[in-house]
C-alpha atoms as a PDB file:
ATOM      1  CA  UNK A   1      -0.010  -0.078   0.058  1.00  0.00           C
ATOM      2  CA  UNK A   2       1.420   3.354  -1.081  1.00  0.00           C
ATOM      3  CA  UNK A   3       0.474   6.908  -1.580  1.00  0.00           C
ATOM      4  CA  UNK A   4      -0.608   7.594  -5.137  1.00  0.00           C
ATOM      5  CA  UNK A   5      -2.361  10.266  -7.234  1.00  0.00           C
ATOM      6  CA  UNK A   6      -5.520   8.099  -7.016  1.00  0.00           C
ATOM      7  CA  UNK A   7      -5.562   8.052  -3.302  1.00  0.00           C
ATOM      8  CA  UNK A   8      -7.978  10.705  -1.729  1.00  0.00           C
ATOM      9  CA  UNK A   9      -6.835   9.206   1.688  1.00  0.00           C
ATOM     10  CA  UNK A  10      -4.261   6.725   2.874  1.00  0.00           C
ATOM     11  CA  UNK A  11      -3.110   5.424   6.250  1.00  0.00           C
ATOM     12  CA  UNK A  12      -0.821   2.776   7.381  1.00  0.00           C
ATOM     13  CA  UNK A  13      -0.277   0.846  10.648  1.00  0.00           C
ATOM     14  CA  UNK A  14      -2.330   3.135  12.864  1.00  0.00           C
ATOM     15  CA  UNK A  15      -2.283   2.463  16.609  1.00  0.00           C
ATOM     16  CA  UNK A  16      -4.180   4.468  19.282  1.00  0.00           C
ATOM     17  CA  UNK A  17      -3.853   3.870  23.127  1.00  0.00           C
ATOM     18  CA  UNK A  18      -5.942   5.188  25.848  1.00  0.00           C
ATOM     19  CA  UNK A  19      -4.847   5.097  29.533  1.00  0.00           C
ATOM     20  CA  UNK A  20      -7.164   5.278  32.541  1.00  0.00           C
ATOM     21  CA  UNK A  21      -5.122   4.778  35.745  1.00  0.00           C
ATOM     22  CA  UNK A  22      -3.134   1.656  35.343  1.00  0.00           C
ATOM     23  CA  UNK A  23      -5.321   0.254  32.670  1.00  0.00           C
ATOM     24  CA  UNK A  24      -4.492   0.683  28.976  1.00  0.00           C
ATOM     25  CA  UNK A  25      -6.885   0.264  26.117  1.00  0.00           C
ATOM     26  CA  UNK A  26      -5.833  -0.478  22.581  1.00  0.00           C
ATOM     27  CA  UNK A  27      -8.412   1.493  20.372  1.00  0.00           C
ATOM     28  CA  UNK A  28      -6.581   0.792  17.156  1.00  0.00           C
ATOM     29  CA  UNK A  29      -4.294  -2.005  16.405  1.00  0.00           C
ATOM     30  CA  UNK A  30      -2.255  -1.538  13.135  1.00  0.00           C
ATOM     31  CA  UNK A  31      -5.039  -0.315  10.870  1.00  0.00           C
ATOM     32  CA  UNK A  32      -4.198   0.364   7.220  1.00  0.00           C
ATOM     33  CA  UNK A  33      -6.501   1.418   4.510  1.00  0.00           C
ATOM     34  CA  UNK A  34      -6.944   3.636   1.377  1.00  0.00           C
ATOM     35  CA  UNK A  35      -9.792   5.471  -0.168  1.00  0.00           C
ATOM     36  CA  UNK A  36      -9.540   6.209  -3.938  1.00  0.00           C
ATOM     37  CA  UNK A  37     -10.949   9.256  -5.529  1.00  0.00           C
ATOM     38  CA  UNK A  38     -14.462   8.759  -6.600  1.00  0.00           C
ATOM     39  CA  UNK A  39     -14.919   5.870  -4.169  1.00  0.00           C
ATOM     40  CA  UNK A  40     -17.471   5.389  -1.270  1.00  0.00           C
ATOM     41  CA  UNK A  41     -16.302   3.248   1.566  1.00  0.00           C
ATOM     42  CA  UNK A  42     -18.244   2.351   4.637  1.00  0.00           C
ATOM     43  CA  UNK A  43     -16.742   1.283   7.960  1.00  0.00           C
ATOM     44  CA  UNK A  44     -19.078  -1.012  10.054  1.00  0.00           C
ATOM     45  CA  UNK A  45     -18.607  -2.880  13.261  1.00  0.00           C
ATOM     46  CA  UNK A  46     -20.046  -3.071  16.842  1.00  0.00           C
ATOM     47  CA  UNK A  47     -19.869  -0.207  19.283  1.00  0.00           C
ATOM     48  CA  UNK A  48     -16.296   0.078  20.721  1.00  0.00           C
ATOM     49  CA  UNK A  49     -14.642  -1.638  17.701  1.00  0.00           C
ATOM     50  CA  UNK A  50     -12.563   1.639  16.998  1.00  0.00           C
ATOM     51  CA  UNK A  51     -14.572   3.105  14.099  1.00  0.00           C
ATOM     52  CA  UNK A  52     -14.931   6.625  15.576  1.00  0.00           C
ATOM     53  CA  UNK A  53     -11.438   6.620  16.846  1.00  0.00           C
ATOM     54  CA  UNK A  54     -10.134   5.825  13.411  1.00  0.00           C
ATOM     55  CA  UNK A  55     -12.274   8.500  11.857  1.00  0.00           C
ATOM     56  CA  UNK A  56     -10.763  11.025  14.428  1.00  0.00           C
ATOM     57  CA  UNK A  57      -7.166  10.102  13.552  1.00  0.00           C
ATOM     58  CA  UNK A  58      -7.951  10.175   9.738  1.00  0.00           C
ATOM     59  CA  UNK A  59      -9.407  13.809  10.254  1.00  0.00           C
ATOM     60  CA  UNK A  60      -6.495  14.954  12.249  1.00  0.00           C
ATOM     61  CA  UNK A  61      -8.633  15.590  15.263  1.00  0.00           C
ATOM     62  CA  UNK A  62      -6.696  12.986  17.247  1.00  0.00           C
ATOM     63  CA  UNK A  63      -3.118  11.826  16.843  1.00  0.00           C
ATOM     64  CA  UNK A  64      -2.229   8.176  16.430  1.00  0.00           C
ATOM     65  CA  UNK A  65       0.443   6.812  18.734  1.00  0.00           C
ATOM     66  CA  UNK A  66       1.917   5.134  15.772  1.00  0.00           C
ATOM     67  CA  UNK A  67       1.431   5.082  11.925  1.00  0.00           C
ATOM     68  CA  UNK A  68       0.894   7.599   9.203  1.00  0.00           C
ATOM     69  CA  UNK A  69      -2.116   9.360   7.645  1.00  0.00           C
ATOM     70  CA  UNK A  70      -2.020  11.247   4.359  1.00  0.00           C
ATOM     71  CA  UNK A  71      -4.951  13.227   2.721  1.00  0.00           C
ATOM     72  CA  UNK A  72      -4.757  14.218  -0.913  1.00  0.00           C
ATOM     73  CA  UNK A  73      -1.001  13.126  -0.791  1.00  0.00           C
ATOM     74  CA  UNK A  74      -0.269  15.465   2.143  1.00  0.00           C
ATOM     75  CA  UNK A  75       0.700  13.965   5.499  1.00  0.00           C
ATOM     76  CA  UNK A  76      -1.641  15.172   8.258  1.00  0.00           C
ATOM     77  CA  UNK A  77      -0.510  12.962  11.261  1.00  0.00           C
ATOM     78  CA  UNK A  78       2.411  13.921  13.537  1.00  0.00           C
ATOM     79  CA  UNK A  79       2.140  17.604  12.818  1.00  0.00           C
ATOM     80  CA  UNK A  80       1.368  20.497  15.038  1.00  0.00           C
ATOM     81  CA  UNK A  81      -2.316  21.232  15.691  1.00  0.00           C
ATOM     82  CA  UNK A  82      -2.037  24.364  13.667  1.00  0.00           C
ATOM     83  CA  UNK A  83      -0.674  22.572  10.742  1.00  0.00           C
ATOM     84  CA  UNK A  84      -3.300  19.765  11.041  1.00  0.00           C
ATOM     85  CA  UNK A  85      -6.025  22.356  11.106  1.00  0.00           C
ATOM     86  CA  UNK A  86      -4.754  23.980   7.993  1.00  0.00           C
ATOM     87  CA  UNK A  87      -4.706  20.794   6.083  1.00  0.00           C
ATOM     88  CA  UNK A  88      -8.025  19.820   7.400  1.00  0.00           C
ATOM     89  CA  UNK A  89      -9.647  23.032   6.244  1.00  0.00           C
ATOM     90  CA  UNK A  90      -8.322  22.596   2.776  1.00  0.00           C
ATOM     91  CA  UNK A  91      -8.449  18.785   2.098  1.00  0.00           C
ATOM     92  CA  UNK A  92     -11.209  17.308   4.403  1.00  0.00           C
ATOM     93  CA  UNK A  93     -14.882  17.668   4.740  1.00  0.00           C
ATOM     94  CA  UNK A  94     -15.935  16.403   8.159  1.00  0.00           C
ATOM     95  CA  UNK A  95     -19.568  15.517   9.302  1.00  0.00           C
ATOM     96  CA  UNK A  96     -19.677  14.501  12.872  1.00  0.00           C
ATOM     97  CA  UNK A  97     -22.644  13.302  14.995  1.00  0.00           C
ATOM     98  CA  UNK A  98     -22.312  16.431  17.029  1.00  0.00           C
ATOM     99  CA  UNK A  99     -22.813  18.536  13.997  1.00  0.00           C
ATOM    100  CA  UNK A 100     -20.619  21.202  12.298  1.00  0.00           C
ATOM    101  CA  UNK A 101     -22.852  24.305  12.375  1.00  0.00           C
ATOM    102  CA  UNK A 102     -22.081  27.333  14.390  1.00  0.00           C
ATOM    103  CA  UNK A 103     -25.426  28.032  16.185  1.00  0.00           C
ATOM    104  CA  UNK A 104     -25.255  31.826  15.961  1.00  0.00           C
ATOM    105  CA  UNK A 105     -24.557  31.986  12.195  1.00  0.00           C
ATOM    106  CA  UNK A 106     -26.978  31.529   9.319  1.00  0.00           C
ATOM    107  CA  UNK A 107     -26.406  28.523   6.917  1.00  0.00           C
ATOM    108  CA  UNK A 108     -25.095  30.895   4.301  1.00  0.00           C
ATOM    109  CA  UNK A 109     -22.463  32.293   6.784  1.00  0.00           C
ATOM    110  CA  UNK A 110     -21.551  28.959   8.089  1.00  0.00           C
ATOM    111  CA  UNK A 111     -20.491  28.060   4.500  1.00  0.00           C
ATOM    112  CA  UNK A 112     -18.719  31.433   3.901  1.00  0.00           C
ATOM    113  CA  UNK A 113     -16.694  30.880   7.133  1.00  0.00           C
ATOM    114  CA  UNK A 114     -15.577  27.416   6.227  1.00  0.00           C
ATOM    115  CA  UNK A 115     -14.620  28.597   2.810  1.00  0.00           C
ATOM    116  CA  UNK A 116     -12.615  31.504   4.178  1.00  0.00           C
ATOM    117  CA  UNK A 117     -10.723  29.068   6.461  1.00  0.00           C
ATOM    118  CA  UNK A 118      -9.653  27.011   3.491  1.00  0.00           C
ATOM    119  CA  UNK A 119      -7.946  30.235   2.007  1.00  0.00           C
ATOM    120  CA  UNK A 120      -8.545  29.360  -1.635  1.00  0.00           C
ATOM    121  CA  UNK A 121     -11.058  30.096  -4.207  1.00  0.00           C
ATOM    122  CA  UNK A 122     -14.185  27.858  -3.657  1.00  0.00           C
ATOM    123  CA  UNK A 123     -15.523  25.633  -6.404  1.00  0.00           C
ATOM    124  CA  UNK A 124     -19.146  26.455  -5.460  1.00  0.00           C
ATOM    125  CA  UNK A 125     -20.666  29.574  -3.919  1.00  0.00           C
ATOM    126  CA  UNK A 126     -22.637  29.168  -0.742  1.00  0.00           C
ATOM    127  CA  UNK A 127     -25.952  29.474  -2.516  1.00  0.00           C
ATOM    128  CA  UNK A 128     -24.996  26.788  -5.083  1.00  0.00           C
ATOM    129  CA  UNK A 129     -24.092  24.436  -2.279  1.00  0.00           C
ATOM    130  CA  UNK A 130     -27.413  25.109  -0.484  1.00  0.00           C
ATOM    131  CA  UNK A 131     -29.308  24.622  -3.728  1.00  0.00           C
ATOM    132  CA  UNK A 132     -27.462  21.337  -4.183  1.00  0.00           C
ATOM    133  CA  UNK A 133     -28.738  20.056  -0.822  1.00  0.00           C
ATOM    134  CA  UNK A 134     -32.231  21.528  -1.270  1.00  0.00           C
ATOM    135  CA  UNK A 135     -31.782  24.361   1.333  1.00  0.00           C
ATOM    136  CA  UNK A 136     -31.448  27.619  -0.577  1.00  0.00           C
ATOM    137  CA  UNK A 137     -34.713  28.784   0.713  1.00  0.00           C
ATOM    138  CA  UNK A 138     -33.369  28.269   4.294  1.00  0.00           C
ATOM    139  CA  UNK A 139     -30.084  30.167   3.751  1.00  0.00           C
ATOM    140  CA  UNK A 140     -30.740  32.706   6.340  1.00  0.00           C
ATOM    141  CA  UNK A 141     -31.932  30.127   8.947  1.00  0.00           C
ATOM    142  CA  UNK A 142     -29.843  29.118  12.023  1.00  0.00           C
ATOM    143  CA  UNK A 143     -29.312  25.569  13.204  1.00  0.00           C
ATOM    144  CA  UNK A 144     -32.188  25.957  15.856  1.00  0.00           C
ATOM    145  CA  UNK A 145     -34.640  26.762  13.106  1.00  0.00           C
ATOM    146  CA  UNK A 146     -33.985  23.579  11.203  1.00  0.00           C
ATOM    147  CA  UNK A 147     -35.558  20.104  11.418  1.00  0.00           C
ATOM    148  CA  UNK A 148     -33.327  16.929  11.838  1.00  0.00           C
ATOM    149  CA  UNK A 149     -33.274  16.189   8.183  1.00  0.00           C
ATOM    150  CA  UNK A 150     -32.612  19.851   7.341  1.00  0.00           C
ATOM    151  CA  UNK A 151     -29.605  19.782   9.822  1.00  0.00           C
ATOM    152  CA  UNK A 152     -28.162  16.763   8.261  1.00  0.00           C
ATOM    153  CA  UNK A 153     -28.224  18.337   4.742  1.00  0.00           C
ATOM    154  CA  UNK A 154     -26.938  21.691   6.105  1.00  0.00           C
ATOM    155  CA  UNK A 155     -24.023  19.922   7.819  1.00  0.00           C
ATOM    156  CA  UNK A 156     -23.234  18.238   4.524  1.00  0.00           C
ATOM    157  CA  UNK A 157     -23.274  21.528   2.612  1.00  0.00           C
ATOM    158  CA  UNK A 158     -20.687  22.950   5.096  1.00  0.00           C
ATOM    159  CA  UNK A 159     -18.566  19.862   4.926  1.00  0.00           C
ATOM    160  CA  UNK A 160     -18.521  20.163   1.197  1.00  0.00           C
ATOM    161  CA  UNK A 161     -17.836  23.930   1.210  1.00  0.00           C
ATOM    162  CA  UNK A 162     -13.980  23.598   0.612  1.00  0.00           C
ATOM    163  CA  UNK A 163     -14.283  21.104  -2.196  1.00  0.00           C
ATOM    164  CA  UNK A 164     -12.459  18.428  -0.142  1.00  0.00           C
ATOM    165  CA  UNK A 165     -10.328  15.622  -1.387  1.00  0.00           C
ATOM    166  CA  UNK A 166     -12.265  13.278   0.940  1.00  0.00           C
ATOM    167  CA  UNK A 167     -15.524  13.524   3.070  1.00  0.00           C
ATOM    168  CA  UNK A 168     -15.534  11.756   6.366  1.00  0.00           C
ATOM    169  CA  UNK A 169     -18.800  11.236   8.063  1.00  0.00           C
ATOM    170  CA  UNK A 170     -19.646   9.573  11.350  1.00  0.00           C
ATOM    171  CA  UNK A 171     -23.148   8.144  11.442  1.00  0.00           C
ATOM    172  CA  UNK A 172     -24.411  10.785   8.928  1.00  0.00           C
ATOM    173  CA  UNK A 173     -27.999   9.230   8.938  1.00  0.00           C
ATOM    174  CA  UNK A 174     -28.218   8.032  12.496  1.00  0.00           C
ATOM    175  CA  UNK A 175     -31.083  10.278  13.620  1.00  0.00           C
ATOM    176  CA  UNK A 176     -33.087  10.294  10.249  1.00  0.00           C
ATOM    177  CA  UNK A 177     -36.151   8.530   9.220  1.00  0.00           C
ATOM    178  CA  UNK A 178     -35.985   6.154   6.274  1.00  0.00           C
ATOM    179  CA  UNK A 179     -37.064   8.667   3.568  1.00  0.00           C
ATOM    180  CA  UNK A 180     -34.701  11.404   4.757  1.00  0.00           C
ATOM    181  CA  UNK A 181     -31.872   8.901   5.095  1.00  0.00           C
ATOM    182  CA  UNK A 182     -32.212   8.054   1.499  1.00  0.00           C
ATOM    183  CA  UNK A 183     -32.090  11.696   0.400  1.00  0.00           C
ATOM    184  CA  UNK A 184     -28.813  12.310   2.437  1.00  0.00           C
ATOM    185  CA  UNK A 185     -27.313   9.057   1.026  1.00  0.00           C
ATOM    186  CA  UNK A 186     -27.979  10.061  -2.516  1.00  0.00           C
ATOM    187  CA  UNK A 187     -26.276  13.427  -1.783  1.00  0.00           C
ATOM    188  CA  UNK A 188     -23.338  11.676  -0.384  1.00  0.00           C
ATOM    189  CA  UNK A 189     -22.897   9.252  -3.137  1.00  0.00           C
ATOM    190  CA  UNK A 190     -23.287  11.919  -5.749  1.00  0.00           C
ATOM    191  CA  UNK A 191     -20.038  13.494  -4.544  1.00  0.00           C
ATOM    192  CA  UNK A 192     -17.993  10.757  -6.097  1.00  0.00           C
ATOM    193  CA  UNK A 193     -18.877  11.985  -9.536  1.00  0.00           C
ATOM    194  CA  UNK A 194     -16.665  15.013  -8.578  1.00  0.00           C
ATOM    195  CA  UNK A 195     -13.831  12.698  -7.892  1.00  0.00           C
ATOM    196  CA  UNK A 196     -14.063  12.995  -3.937  1.00  0.00           C
ATOM    197  CA  UNK A 197     -13.600   9.995  -1.817  1.00  0.00           C
ATOM    198  CA  UNK A 198     -16.320   9.393   0.721  1.00  0.00           C
ATOM    199  CA  UNK A 199     -15.704   7.486   3.940  1.00  0.00           C
ATOM    200  CA  UNK A 200     -18.879   6.751   6.063  1.00  0.00           C
ATOM    201  CA  UNK A 201     -18.717   5.241   9.624  1.00  0.00           C
ATOM    202  CA  UNK A 202     -21.994   3.590  10.284  1.00  0.00           C
ATOM    203  CA  UNK A 203     -24.248   0.932  11.810  1.00  0.00           C
ATOM    204  CA  UNK A 204     -26.874   1.485   9.142  1.00  0.00           C
ATOM    205  CA  UNK A 205     -27.508  -1.340   6.559  1.00  0.00           C
ATOM    206  CA  UNK A 206     -28.791   1.486   4.154  1.00  0.00           C
ATOM    207  CA  UNK A 207     -25.451   3.179   4.308  1.00  0.00           C
ATOM    208  CA  UNK A 208     -23.435   0.059   3.612  1.00  0.00           C
ATOM    209  CA  UNK A 209     -25.604  -0.740   0.549  1.00  0.00           C
ATOM    210  CA  UNK A 210     -24.511   2.422  -1.188  1.00  0.00           C
ATOM    211  CA  UNK A 211     -20.836   1.829  -0.544  1.00  0.00           C
ATOM    212  CA  UNK A 212     -18.317   0.472  -3.179  1.00  0.00           C
ATOM    213  CA  UNK A 213     -16.495  -1.342  -0.353  1.00  0.00           C
ATOM    214  CA  UNK A 214     -17.419  -2.150   3.294  1.00  0.00           C
ATOM    215  CA  UNK A 215     -14.588  -2.325   5.831  1.00  0.00           C
ATOM    216  CA  UNK A 216     -15.500  -4.281   8.975  1.00  0.00           C
ATOM    217  CA  UNK A 217     -13.732  -3.520  12.379  1.00  0.00           C
ATOM    218  CA  UNK A 218     -13.689  -5.462  15.548  1.00  0.00           C
ATOM    219  CA  UNK A 219     -11.498  -4.827  18.671  1.00  0.00           C
ATOM    220  CA  UNK A 220      -9.503  -2.115  16.925  1.00  0.00           C
ATOM    221  CA  UNK A 221      -8.595  -4.150  13.906  1.00  0.00           C
ATOM    222  CA  UNK A 222      -9.892  -4.459  10.353  1.00  0.00           C
ATOM    223  CA  UNK A 223     -11.359  -7.973  10.079  1.00  0.00           C
ATOM    224  CA  UNK A 224     -12.890  -7.951   6.657  1.00  0.00           C
END
């Protein structure tokens, strides 16, 4: 496994330890994977298998104890937090369960802020992104004014605002009903047409069905 121009994301031999008193937990045990441009990959497994820890390390939100992560050919692991944040703002779209909207800003201004952080010309204007997810009519709304389905789509618009190499999403449809889940999944799958890689951490069978590959984890390892 090696970094190539076709890799949106690549990691090798990731380890992550957590300590509580005298006890040590191995959350990741030598995980290696790659996501190609234009590919949708789902990571599935039971709670506690290391899925969310892996996503945090891939996103540069957490540092692995060992191993390397690159995004768009640029190493994000084992850098200063300032450097990781800069790479993240330019190369990654992140959609977490906790949400990625600033509550006091409108949807349009959330997107503008994310694009300003990337420090490069945006491929799509805020209103184009909002139209893409069906929320242009809600451009001036804040997070508290949105339904659950609208929040999921708004979060996706913000995650895509910097035209990322790869989109990372943690349970992107976990709180949605079946019909809304399908809308969000269609929007996620559509991003691969633009050459972006998509990595989805999930428990949902509907999510795994849209993936090109499903990676299964157990006890901090990839098992299938």
